[in-house]
């Protein structure tokens, strides 16, 4: 099968100090960085959150976990990017994130925060199974201040929830795309669904796809990445006209030829450049930079 591999202007690998622990087999082991989150403000201030996990994935439904008390630990990197220059991650500051749910926790296999998406510079959406009474994934809104995440608040619904796609709509109100097919938009905290009636061919193009990233506004559209799991992970762009309630769906593509899992979480637009935070195979973390014309190439 021929793959459409996205053209990349720059690839920034995220390499942080090794987080060591002794696993359940009494062997020395370490966390692996994966699924980073990214925010870049208009002044070029950059925040990267790096998720670190204690398990290994070996392909289709094959993984092993080493039973660290917290399966998922986050680190934070801060720095800045200058217009027309590459991102100099090597000189970013680095420290561990402290967090306090200040909410009841429940028994669950997966512990810790997962797959953070920035809503704004100070607000995030985060998946936390241990804050769900059933131990299943749920979405919480929280505040990030320096290296601390706090003021967690439950978002509804909260049965089994992952991969909401936040965006700031044309009225300046934060919303999320809750699902793609059926296509549902809602407020971040409330269960106030707005359903769009899509043309049949658009619904078919979105079927079985899941949300990936937050949305960015460019050239009169809101842009998002979505993904599907087949023999590997594939991606599509969607661009949305909120006023006309129209959705355009791109062809499938991948970021790397030989990867199996690719999981983007955040899109950032800065200096007419697109930055994507991306985890690969649950053992690598990157920031990918692409050109603006790459947004249109697969439509």
C-alpha atoms as a PDB file:
ATOM      1  CA  UNK A   1       0.000   0.000   0.000  1.00  0.00           C
ATOM      2  CA  UNK A   2       1.371   3.406  -0.992  1.00  0.00           C
ATOM      3  CA  UNK A   3       1.555   5.872   1.889  1.00  0.00           C
ATOM      4  CA  UNK A   4       1.074   9.620   1.741  1.00  0.00           C
ATOM      5  CA  UNK A   5       3.847  10.809   4.062  1.00  0.00           C
ATOM      6  CA  UNK A   6       3.486  14.402   5.195  1.00  0.00           C
ATOM      7  CA  UNK A   7       6.357  16.710   4.236  1.00  0.00           C
ATOM      8  CA  UNK A   8       8.139  18.061   7.287  1.00  0.00           C
ATOM      9  CA  UNK A   9      10.150  21.281   7.399  1.00  0.00           C
ATOM     10  CA  UNK A  10      11.698  20.471  10.771  1.00  0.00           C
ATOM     11  CA  UNK A  11      11.610  17.598  13.257  1.00  0.00           C
ATOM     12  CA  UNK A  12      12.412  18.429  16.874  1.00  0.00           C
ATOM     13  CA  UNK A  13      13.048  15.317  19.007  1.00  0.00           C
ATOM     14  CA  UNK A  14      12.227  15.741  22.692  1.00  0.00           C
ATOM     15  CA  UNK A  15      14.953  14.172  24.810  1.00  0.00           C
ATOM     16  CA  UNK A  16      14.679  14.542  28.572  1.00  0.00           C
ATOM     17  CA  UNK A  17      16.579  13.030  31.521  1.00  0.00           C
ATOM     18  CA  UNK A  18      15.834   9.346  32.094  1.00  0.00           C
ATOM     19  CA  UNK A  19      13.253   8.702  34.807  1.00  0.00           C
ATOM     20  CA  UNK A  20      14.418   5.561  36.583  1.00  0.00           C
ATOM     21  CA  UNK A  21      12.427   3.114  38.716  1.00  0.00           C
ATOM     22  CA  UNK A  22      12.614  -0.484  39.941  1.00  0.00           C
ATOM     23  CA  UNK A  23       9.806  -2.498  38.342  1.00  0.00           C
ATOM     24  CA  UNK A  24       7.619  -5.333  39.667  1.00  0.00           C
ATOM     25  CA  UNK A  25      10.263  -7.858  38.603  1.00  0.00           C
ATOM     26  CA  UNK A  26      12.790  -5.986  40.768  1.00  0.00           C
ATOM     27  CA  UNK A  27      14.619  -4.953  37.599  1.00  0.00           C
ATOM     28  CA  UNK A  28      15.951  -1.497  36.867  1.00  0.00           C
ATOM     29  CA  UNK A  29      13.654   0.193  34.362  1.00  0.00           C
ATOM     30  CA  UNK A  30      12.716   3.644  33.101  1.00  0.00           C
ATOM     31  CA  UNK A  31       9.844   5.694  31.787  1.00  0.00           C
ATOM     32  CA  UNK A  32       9.565   6.510  28.090  1.00  0.00           C
ATOM     33  CA  UNK A  33       8.537   9.931  26.820  1.00  0.00           C
ATOM     34  CA  UNK A  34       5.520  10.013  24.488  1.00  0.00           C
ATOM     35  CA  UNK A  35       2.487  12.090  23.421  1.00  0.00           C
ATOM     36  CA  UNK A  36       3.739  15.622  24.158  1.00  0.00           C
ATOM     37  CA  UNK A  37       1.431  18.637  24.352  1.00  0.00           C
ATOM     38  CA  UNK A  38       2.304  22.063  22.961  1.00  0.00           C
ATOM     39  CA  UNK A  39       1.325  25.706  23.328  1.00  0.00           C
ATOM     40  CA  UNK A  40       2.948  28.685  21.583  1.00  0.00           C
ATOM     41  CA  UNK A  41       1.621  32.172  22.271  1.00  0.00           C
ATOM     42  CA  UNK A  42       1.762  35.175  19.941  1.00  0.00           C
ATOM     43  CA  UNK A  43       5.065  36.313  21.486  1.00  0.00           C
ATOM     44  CA  UNK A  44       6.758  33.000  20.778  1.00  0.00           C
ATOM     45  CA  UNK A  45       6.702  31.674  24.338  1.00  0.00           C
ATOM     46  CA  UNK A  46       6.661  27.881  24.142  1.00  0.00           C
ATOM     47  CA  UNK A  47       5.371  25.349  26.683  1.00  0.00           C
ATOM     48  CA  UNK A  48       5.796  21.614  26.078  1.00  0.00           C
ATOM     49  CA  UNK A  49       4.276  19.002  28.374  1.00  0.00           C
ATOM     50  CA  UNK A  50       5.837  15.560  28.008  1.00  0.00           C
ATOM     51  CA  UNK A  51       3.937  12.477  29.102  1.00  0.00           C
ATOM     52  CA  UNK A  52       6.123   9.606  30.375  1.00  0.00           C
ATOM     53  CA  UNK A  53       4.754   6.067  30.670  1.00  0.00           C
ATOM     54  CA  UNK A  54       5.853   2.831  32.367  1.00  0.00           C
ATOM     55  CA  UNK A  55       4.629   0.418  29.687  1.00  0.00           C
ATOM     56  CA  UNK A  56       5.871  -0.788  26.314  1.00  0.00           C
ATOM     57  CA  UNK A  57       3.773  -1.388  23.211  1.00  0.00           C
ATOM     58  CA  UNK A  58       4.724  -4.124  20.763  1.00  0.00           C
ATOM     59  CA  UNK A  59       2.177  -3.809  17.990  1.00  0.00           C
ATOM     60  CA  UNK A  60      -1.451  -4.833  17.716  1.00  0.00           C
ATOM     61  CA  UNK A  61      -2.907  -5.272  21.234  1.00  0.00           C
ATOM     62  CA  UNK A  62       0.472  -6.364  22.610  1.00  0.00           C
ATOM     63  CA  UNK A  63       1.944  -4.437  25.512  1.00  0.00           C
ATOM     64  CA  UNK A  64       3.443  -4.952  28.922  1.00  0.00           C
ATOM     65  CA  UNK A  65       3.370  -2.739  31.990  1.00  0.00           C
ATOM     66  CA  UNK A  66       5.896  -2.684  34.773  1.00  0.00           C
ATOM     67  CA  UNK A  67       3.517  -1.539  37.514  1.00  0.00           C
ATOM     68  CA  UNK A  68       5.005   1.707  38.671  1.00  0.00           C
ATOM     69  CA  UNK A  69       2.557   3.242  41.203  1.00  0.00           C
ATOM     70  CA  UNK A  70       1.814   5.961  38.647  1.00  0.00           C
ATOM     71  CA  UNK A  71       1.621   4.787  35.034  1.00  0.00           C
ATOM     72  CA  UNK A  72       1.882   8.313  33.640  1.00  0.00           C
ATOM     73  CA  UNK A  73       4.166  11.160  34.792  1.00  0.00           C
ATOM     74  CA  UNK A  74       4.409  14.589  33.155  1.00  0.00           C
ATOM     75  CA  UNK A  75       7.406  16.881  32.689  1.00  0.00           C
ATOM     76  CA  UNK A  76       7.360  20.479  31.437  1.00  0.00           C
ATOM     77  CA  UNK A  77       9.751  22.330  29.146  1.00  0.00           C
ATOM     78  CA  UNK A  78       9.673  26.099  28.598  1.00  0.00           C
ATOM     79  CA  UNK A  79      11.460  28.359  26.170  1.00  0.00           C
ATOM     80  CA  UNK A  80      10.807  30.600  23.220  1.00  0.00           C
ATOM     81  CA  UNK A  81      10.931  30.589  19.457  1.00  0.00           C
ATOM     82  CA  UNK A  82      12.085  33.499  17.300  1.00  0.00           C
ATOM     83  CA  UNK A  83      10.486  34.332  13.972  1.00  0.00           C
ATOM     84  CA  UNK A  84      12.271  32.801  10.984  1.00  0.00           C
ATOM     85  CA  UNK A  85      14.437  30.637  13.249  1.00  0.00           C
ATOM     86  CA  UNK A  86      14.237  27.014  14.352  1.00  0.00           C
ATOM     87  CA  UNK A  87      12.939  26.052  17.768  1.00  0.00           C
ATOM     88  CA  UNK A  88      15.931  25.619  20.097  1.00  0.00           C
ATOM     89  CA  UNK A  89      14.595  22.930  22.433  1.00  0.00           C
ATOM     90  CA  UNK A  90      18.098  22.166  23.753  1.00  0.00           C
ATOM     91  CA  UNK A  91      18.080  25.423  25.707  1.00  0.00           C
ATOM     92  CA  UNK A  92      14.581  25.092  27.153  1.00  0.00           C
ATOM     93  CA  UNK A  93      14.132  24.810  30.921  1.00  0.00           C
ATOM     94  CA  UNK A  94      12.968  21.461  32.289  1.00  0.00           C
ATOM     95  CA  UNK A  95      11.218  20.301  35.473  1.00  0.00           C
ATOM     96  CA  UNK A  96       8.663  17.830  36.781  1.00  0.00           C
ATOM     97  CA  UNK A  97       4.994  18.777  36.936  1.00  0.00           C
ATOM     98  CA  UNK A  98       3.248  18.759  40.296  1.00  0.00           C
ATOM     99  CA  UNK A  99      -0.495  18.205  40.369  1.00  0.00           C
ATOM    100  CA  UNK A 100      -3.304  17.806  42.856  1.00  0.00           C
ATOM    101  CA  UNK A 101      -6.715  16.611  41.668  1.00  0.00           C
ATOM    102  CA  UNK A 102      -8.406  17.655  44.922  1.00  0.00           C
ATOM    103  CA  UNK A 103     -11.145  15.258  43.784  1.00  0.00           C
ATOM    104  CA  UNK A 104     -12.121  11.727  44.856  1.00  0.00           C
ATOM    105  CA  UNK A 105     -10.125   8.951  43.181  1.00  0.00           C
ATOM    106  CA  UNK A 106     -11.230   5.396  42.418  1.00  0.00           C
ATOM    107  CA  UNK A 107      -9.561   2.045  41.700  1.00  0.00           C
ATOM    108  CA  UNK A 108      -8.351   1.769  38.124  1.00  0.00           C
ATOM    109  CA  UNK A 109      -5.583   0.055  36.184  1.00  0.00           C
ATOM    110  CA  UNK A 110      -4.293   3.297  34.611  1.00  0.00           C
ATOM    111  CA  UNK A 111      -3.168   6.024  37.004  1.00  0.00           C
ATOM    112  CA  UNK A 112      -1.955   9.535  36.357  1.00  0.00           C
ATOM    113  CA  UNK A 113      -2.805  12.201  33.801  1.00  0.00           C
ATOM    114  CA  UNK A 114      -3.050  11.297  30.111  1.00  0.00           C
ATOM    115  CA  UNK A 115      -2.984  13.060  26.739  1.00  0.00           C
ATOM    116  CA  UNK A 116      -3.270  16.710  27.711  1.00  0.00           C
ATOM    117  CA  UNK A 117      -4.609  19.213  25.182  1.00  0.00           C
ATOM    118  CA  UNK A 118      -4.196  22.945  25.626  1.00  0.00           C
ATOM    119  CA  UNK A 119      -7.382  25.010  25.546  1.00  0.00           C
ATOM    120  CA  UNK A 120      -5.436  28.232  26.162  1.00  0.00           C
ATOM    121  CA  UNK A 121      -2.110  29.195  27.703  1.00  0.00           C
ATOM    122  CA  UNK A 122      -3.490  28.508  31.194  1.00  0.00           C
ATOM    123  CA  UNK A 123      -6.308  25.990  30.614  1.00  0.00           C
ATOM    124  CA  UNK A 124      -5.982  22.348  29.622  1.00  0.00           C
ATOM    125  CA  UNK A 125      -8.150  19.300  29.042  1.00  0.00           C
ATOM    126  CA  UNK A 126      -6.746  16.108  30.542  1.00  0.00           C
ATOM    127  CA  UNK A 127      -7.855  12.468  30.631  1.00  0.00           C
ATOM    128  CA  UNK A 128      -7.795  10.979  34.159  1.00  0.00           C
ATOM    129  CA  UNK A 129      -9.299   7.474  34.603  1.00  0.00           C
ATOM    130  CA  UNK A 130      -8.734   7.439  38.373  1.00  0.00           C
ATOM    131  CA  UNK A 131     -11.127  10.388  38.801  1.00  0.00           C
ATOM    132  CA  UNK A 132     -13.995   8.436  37.238  1.00  0.00           C
ATOM    133  CA  UNK A 133     -16.143   6.350  39.567  1.00  0.00           C
ATOM    134  CA  UNK A 134     -15.972   3.461  37.079  1.00  0.00           C
ATOM    135  CA  UNK A 135     -12.217   3.720  36.617  1.00  0.00           C
ATOM    136  CA  UNK A 136     -12.731   4.499  32.917  1.00  0.00           C
ATOM    137  CA  UNK A 137     -11.227   7.472  31.057  1.00  0.00           C
ATOM    138  CA  UNK A 138     -12.926  10.799  31.722  1.00  0.00           C
ATOM    139  CA  UNK A 139     -12.132  14.392  30.781  1.00  0.00           C
ATOM    140  CA  UNK A 140     -11.273  17.069  33.327  1.00  0.00           C
ATOM    141  CA  UNK A 141     -10.550  20.741  32.815  1.00  0.00           C
ATOM    142  CA  UNK A 142      -7.626  22.121  34.811  1.00  0.00           C
ATOM    143  CA  UNK A 143      -5.402  25.160  35.204  1.00  0.00           C
ATOM    144  CA  UNK A 144      -1.651  25.132  34.570  1.00  0.00           C
ATOM    145  CA  UNK A 145       0.474  27.659  36.467  1.00  0.00           C
ATOM    146  CA  UNK A 146       4.264  27.440  36.157  1.00  0.00           C
ATOM    147  CA  UNK A 147       4.958  23.713  36.791  1.00  0.00           C
ATOM    148  CA  UNK A 148       1.723  23.052  38.681  1.00  0.00           C
ATOM    149  CA  UNK A 149      -1.594  21.687  37.389  1.00  0.00           C
ATOM    150  CA  UNK A 150      -4.517  22.393  39.703  1.00  0.00           C
ATOM    151  CA  UNK A 151      -8.187  23.384  39.969  1.00  0.00           C
ATOM    152  CA  UNK A 152      -9.400  20.206  38.263  1.00  0.00           C
ATOM    153  CA  UNK A 153     -13.070  20.283  37.296  1.00  0.00           C
ATOM    154  CA  UNK A 154     -15.257  17.494  35.949  1.00  0.00           C
ATOM    155  CA  UNK A 155     -16.577  17.829  32.395  1.00  0.00           C
ATOM    156  CA  UNK A 156     -19.770  16.142  31.268  1.00  0.00           C
ATOM    157  CA  UNK A 157     -20.516  13.524  30.119  1.00  0.00           C
ATOM    158  CA  UNK A 158     -18.011  11.378  32.008  1.00  0.00           C
ATOM    159  CA  UNK A 159     -18.819   7.724  31.298  1.00  0.00           C
ATOM    160  CA  UNK A 160     -15.937   6.777  28.956  1.00  0.00           C
ATOM    161  CA  UNK A 161     -14.435   9.914  27.423  1.00  0.00           C
ATOM    162  CA  UNK A 162     -11.257  10.592  25.431  1.00  0.00           C
ATOM    163  CA  UNK A 163      -9.945  12.809  22.640  1.00  0.00           C
ATOM    164  CA  UNK A 164     -12.214  15.838  22.805  1.00  0.00           C
ATOM    165  CA  UNK A 165     -11.012  18.524  20.385  1.00  0.00           C
ATOM    166  CA  UNK A 166     -11.031  22.032  21.918  1.00  0.00           C
ATOM    167  CA  UNK A 167     -11.272  25.238  19.899  1.00  0.00           C
ATOM    168  CA  UNK A 168     -12.164  28.897  20.396  1.00  0.00           C
ATOM    169  CA  UNK A 169     -15.219  29.602  18.267  1.00  0.00           C
ATOM    170  CA  UNK A 170     -16.065  32.785  16.383  1.00  0.00           C
ATOM    171  CA  UNK A 171     -17.906  34.172  19.443  1.00  0.00           C
ATOM    172  CA  UNK A 172     -14.804  33.815  21.608  1.00  0.00           C
ATOM    173  CA  UNK A 173     -16.278  30.836  23.493  1.00  0.00           C
ATOM    174  CA  UNK A 174     -14.298  27.653  24.145  1.00  0.00           C
ATOM    175  CA  UNK A 175     -16.015  24.591  22.675  1.00  0.00           C
ATOM    176  CA  UNK A 176     -15.037  21.021  21.845  1.00  0.00           C
ATOM    177  CA  UNK A 177     -15.772  18.662  19.003  1.00  0.00           C
ATOM    178  CA  UNK A 178     -17.134  15.761  21.005  1.00  0.00           C
ATOM    179  CA  UNK A 179     -17.534  13.217  18.210  1.00  0.00           C
ATOM    180  CA  UNK A 180     -17.051  13.112  14.459  1.00  0.00           C
ATOM    181  CA  UNK A 181     -19.809  10.726  13.369  1.00  0.00           C
ATOM    182  CA  UNK A 182     -22.353  11.741  14.460  1.00  0.00           C
ATOM    183  CA  UNK A 183     -20.817  15.226  14.443  1.00  0.00           C
ATOM    184  CA  UNK A 184     -21.379  16.777  17.862  1.00  0.00           C
ATOM    185  CA  UNK A 185     -20.076  20.038  19.335  1.00  0.00           C
ATOM    186  CA  UNK A 186     -20.494  20.970  22.993  1.00  0.00           C
ATOM    187  CA  UNK A 187     -19.288  23.314  25.707  1.00  0.00           C
ATOM    188  CA  UNK A 188     -16.235  22.162  27.610  1.00  0.00           C
ATOM    189  CA  UNK A 189     -17.985  21.517  30.914  1.00  0.00           C
ATOM    190  CA  UNK A 190     -21.638  20.983  30.028  1.00  0.00           C
ATOM    191  CA  UNK A 191     -23.549  18.253  28.224  1.00  0.00           C
ATOM    192  CA  UNK A 192     -25.166  20.657  25.748  1.00  0.00           C
ATOM    193  CA  UNK A 193     -24.700  18.883  22.432  1.00  0.00           C
ATOM    194  CA  UNK A 194     -25.192  20.603  19.103  1.00  0.00           C
ATOM    195  CA  UNK A 195     -25.572  18.059  16.298  1.00  0.00           C
ATOM    196  CA  UNK A 196     -24.689  18.875  12.705  1.00  0.00           C
ATOM    197  CA  UNK A 197     -26.517  17.090   9.902  1.00  0.00           C
ATOM    198  CA  UNK A 198     -23.768  16.212   7.435  1.00  0.00           C
ATOM    199  CA  UNK A 199     -23.927  15.150   3.825  1.00  0.00           C
ATOM    200  CA  UNK A 200     -23.705  11.386   3.478  1.00  0.00           C
ATOM    201  CA  UNK A 201     -20.294  11.396   1.767  1.00  0.00           C
ATOM    202  CA  UNK A 202     -18.799  13.533   4.553  1.00  0.00           C
ATOM    203  CA  UNK A 203     -20.235  11.235   7.228  1.00  0.00           C
ATOM    204  CA  UNK A 204     -18.690   8.242   5.448  1.00  0.00           C
ATOM    205  CA  UNK A 205     -15.306   9.969   5.315  1.00  0.00           C
ATOM    206  CA  UNK A 206     -15.468  10.593   9.072  1.00  0.00           C
ATOM    207  CA  UNK A 207     -16.795   7.167  10.078  1.00  0.00           C
ATOM    208  CA  UNK A 208     -14.619   5.344  12.648  1.00  0.00           C
ATOM    209  CA  UNK A 209     -12.267   8.324  12.951  1.00  0.00           C
ATOM    210  CA  UNK A 210     -11.380   9.813  16.326  1.00  0.00           C
ATOM    211  CA  UNK A 211     -10.352  13.261  17.487  1.00  0.00           C
ATOM    212  CA  UNK A 212      -6.652  14.079  17.693  1.00  0.00           C
ATOM    213  CA  UNK A 213      -5.862  17.751  18.230  1.00  0.00           C
ATOM    214  CA  UNK A 214      -7.178  21.112  19.282  1.00  0.00           C
ATOM    215  CA  UNK A 215      -8.286  23.404  16.483  1.00  0.00           C
ATOM    216  CA  UNK A 216      -6.487  26.410  14.997  1.00  0.00           C
ATOM    217  CA  UNK A 217      -8.077  29.169  12.946  1.00  0.00           C
ATOM    218  CA  UNK A 218      -6.470  29.886   9.587  1.00  0.00           C
ATOM    219  CA  UNK A 219      -7.714  31.218   6.252  1.00  0.00           C
ATOM    220  CA  UNK A 220     -11.376  31.358   7.379  1.00  0.00           C
ATOM    221  CA  UNK A 221     -11.454  27.742   8.612  1.00  0.00           C
ATOM    222  CA  UNK A 222     -10.912  25.870  11.850  1.00  0.00           C
ATOM    223  CA  UNK A 223      -8.340  23.126  11.244  1.00  0.00           C
ATOM    224  CA  UNK A 224      -8.009  19.874  13.177  1.00  0.00           C
ATOM    225  CA  UNK A 225      -6.210  16.552  12.868  1.00  0.00           C
ATOM    226  CA  UNK A 226      -8.174  13.311  13.244  1.00  0.00           C
ATOM    227  CA  UNK A 227      -6.975   9.679  13.228  1.00  0.00           C
ATOM    228  CA  UNK A 228      -8.039   6.090  12.667  1.00  0.00           C
ATOM    229  CA  UNK A 229      -6.474   2.772  13.677  1.00  0.00           C
ATOM    230  CA  UNK A 230      -6.224   0.173  10.904  1.00  0.00           C
ATOM    231  CA  UNK A 231      -3.022  -1.768  10.279  1.00  0.00           C
ATOM    232  CA  UNK A 232      -1.416   1.362  11.725  1.00  0.00           C
ATOM    233  CA  UNK A 233      -2.539   4.888  12.607  1.00  0.00           C
ATOM    234  CA  UNK A 234      -3.623   7.111   9.704  1.00  0.00           C
ATOM    235  CA  UNK A 235      -4.547  10.792   9.802  1.00  0.00           C
ATOM    236  CA  UNK A 236      -6.738  13.295   8.011  1.00  0.00           C
ATOM    237  CA  UNK A 237      -7.082  17.043   8.142  1.00  0.00           C
ATOM    238  CA  UNK A 238     -10.548  18.440   8.581  1.00  0.00           C
ATOM    239  CA  UNK A 239     -11.323  22.087   7.975  1.00  0.00           C
ATOM    240  CA  UNK A 240     -14.575  23.485   9.287  1.00  0.00           C
ATOM    241  CA  UNK A 241     -16.659  26.538   8.488  1.00  0.00           C
ATOM    242  CA  UNK A 242     -18.470  27.088  11.779  1.00  0.00           C
ATOM    243  CA  UNK A 243     -20.890  29.669  10.361  1.00  0.00           C
ATOM    244  CA  UNK A 244     -21.997  27.627   7.344  1.00  0.00           C
ATOM    245  CA  UNK A 245     -21.658  24.325   9.240  1.00  0.00           C
ATOM    246  CA  UNK A 246     -19.580  22.838   6.453  1.00  0.00           C
ATOM    247  CA  UNK A 247     -16.791  20.281   6.830  1.00  0.00           C
ATOM    248  CA  UNK A 248     -14.085  19.379   4.325  1.00  0.00           C
ATOM    249  CA  UNK A 249     -12.123  16.151   4.823  1.00  0.00           C
ATOM    250  CA  UNK A 250      -8.676  15.437   3.400  1.00  0.00           C
ATOM    251  CA  UNK A 251      -7.189  12.205   2.113  1.00  0.00           C
ATOM    252  CA  UNK A 252      -5.328   9.954   4.552  1.00  0.00           C
ATOM    253  CA  UNK A 253      -1.659  10.490   5.338  1.00  0.00           C
ATOM    254  CA  UNK A 254       0.987   9.508   7.882  1.00  0.00           C
ATOM    255  CA  UNK A 255       3.842  11.372   9.536  1.00  0.00           C
ATOM    256  CA  UNK A 256       6.499   8.648   9.249  1.00  0.00           C
ATOM    257  CA  UNK A 257       6.822   5.717   6.880  1.00  0.00           C
ATOM    258  CA  UNK A 258       7.715   2.982   9.367  1.00  0.00           C
ATOM    259  CA  UNK A 259       5.833   3.973  12.506  1.00  0.00           C
ATOM    260  CA  UNK A 260       2.907   2.034  13.938  1.00  0.00           C
ATOM    261  CA  UNK A 261       1.342   4.411  16.475  1.00  0.00           C
ATOM    262  CA  UNK A 262       1.282   8.151  15.744  1.00  0.00           C
ATOM    263  CA  UNK A 263      -0.640  10.309  18.196  1.00  0.00           C
ATOM    264  CA  UNK A 264      -0.822  14.103  17.721  1.00  0.00           C
ATOM    265  CA  UNK A 265      -2.323  16.212  20.509  1.00  0.00           C
ATOM    266  CA  UNK A 266      -1.824  19.899  19.713  1.00  0.00           C
ATOM    267  CA  UNK A 267      -1.642  22.215  16.710  1.00  0.00           C
ATOM    268  CA  UNK A 268      -0.008  25.643  16.980  1.00  0.00           C
ATOM    269  CA  UNK A 269       0.177  28.400  14.372  1.00  0.00           C
ATOM    270  CA  UNK A 270       3.122  30.800  14.773  1.00  0.00           C
ATOM    271  CA  UNK A 271       4.995  32.955  12.274  1.00  0.00           C
ATOM    272  CA  UNK A 272       3.017  31.404   9.389  1.00  0.00           C
ATOM    273  CA  UNK A 273       4.326  27.996  10.478  1.00  0.00           C
ATOM    274  CA  UNK A 274       2.404  24.994  11.767  1.00  0.00           C
ATOM    275  CA  UNK A 275       3.728  23.053  14.764  1.00  0.00           C
ATOM    276  CA  UNK A 276       2.343  19.663  15.784  1.00  0.00           C
ATOM    277  CA  UNK A 277       3.121  17.795  19.012  1.00  0.00           C
ATOM    278  CA  UNK A 278       3.396  14.103  18.209  1.00  0.00           C
ATOM    279  CA  UNK A 279       4.022  10.827  20.018  1.00  0.00           C
ATOM    280  CA  UNK A 280       5.361   7.874  18.005  1.00  0.00           C
ATOM    281  CA  UNK A 281       5.056   4.196  18.993  1.00  0.00           C
ATOM    282  CA  UNK A 282       4.543   5.258  22.632  1.00  0.00           C
ATOM    283  CA  UNK A 283       8.340   5.549  23.056  1.00  0.00           C
ATOM    284  CA  UNK A 284       9.208   8.766  21.208  1.00  0.00           C
ATOM    285  CA  UNK A 285       8.122  12.393  21.417  1.00  0.00           C
ATOM    286  CA  UNK A 286       8.521  15.023  18.719  1.00  0.00           C
ATOM    287  CA  UNK A 287       7.485  18.489  17.674  1.00  0.00           C
ATOM    288  CA  UNK A 288       6.882  18.485  13.907  1.00  0.00           C
ATOM    289  CA  UNK A 289       6.966  21.668  11.853  1.00  0.00           C
ATOM    290  CA  UNK A 290       5.216  21.813   8.465  1.00  0.00           C
ATOM    291  CA  UNK A 291       4.596  24.487   5.868  1.00  0.00           C
ATOM    292  CA  UNK A 292       1.209  26.173   5.580  1.00  0.00           C
ATOM    293  CA  UNK A 293       0.622  24.781   2.090  1.00  0.00           C
ATOM    294  CA  UNK A 294       0.806  21.275   3.581  1.00  0.00           C
ATOM    295  CA  UNK A 295      -2.639  21.942   5.044  1.00  0.00           C
ATOM    296  CA  UNK A 296      -4.241  21.916   1.608  1.00  0.00           C
ATOM    297  CA  UNK A 297      -2.192  19.331  -0.265  1.00  0.00           C
ATOM    298  CA  UNK A 298      -4.402  16.284   0.468  1.00  0.00           C
ATOM    299  CA  UNK A 299      -7.769  17.888  -0.267  1.00  0.00           C
END
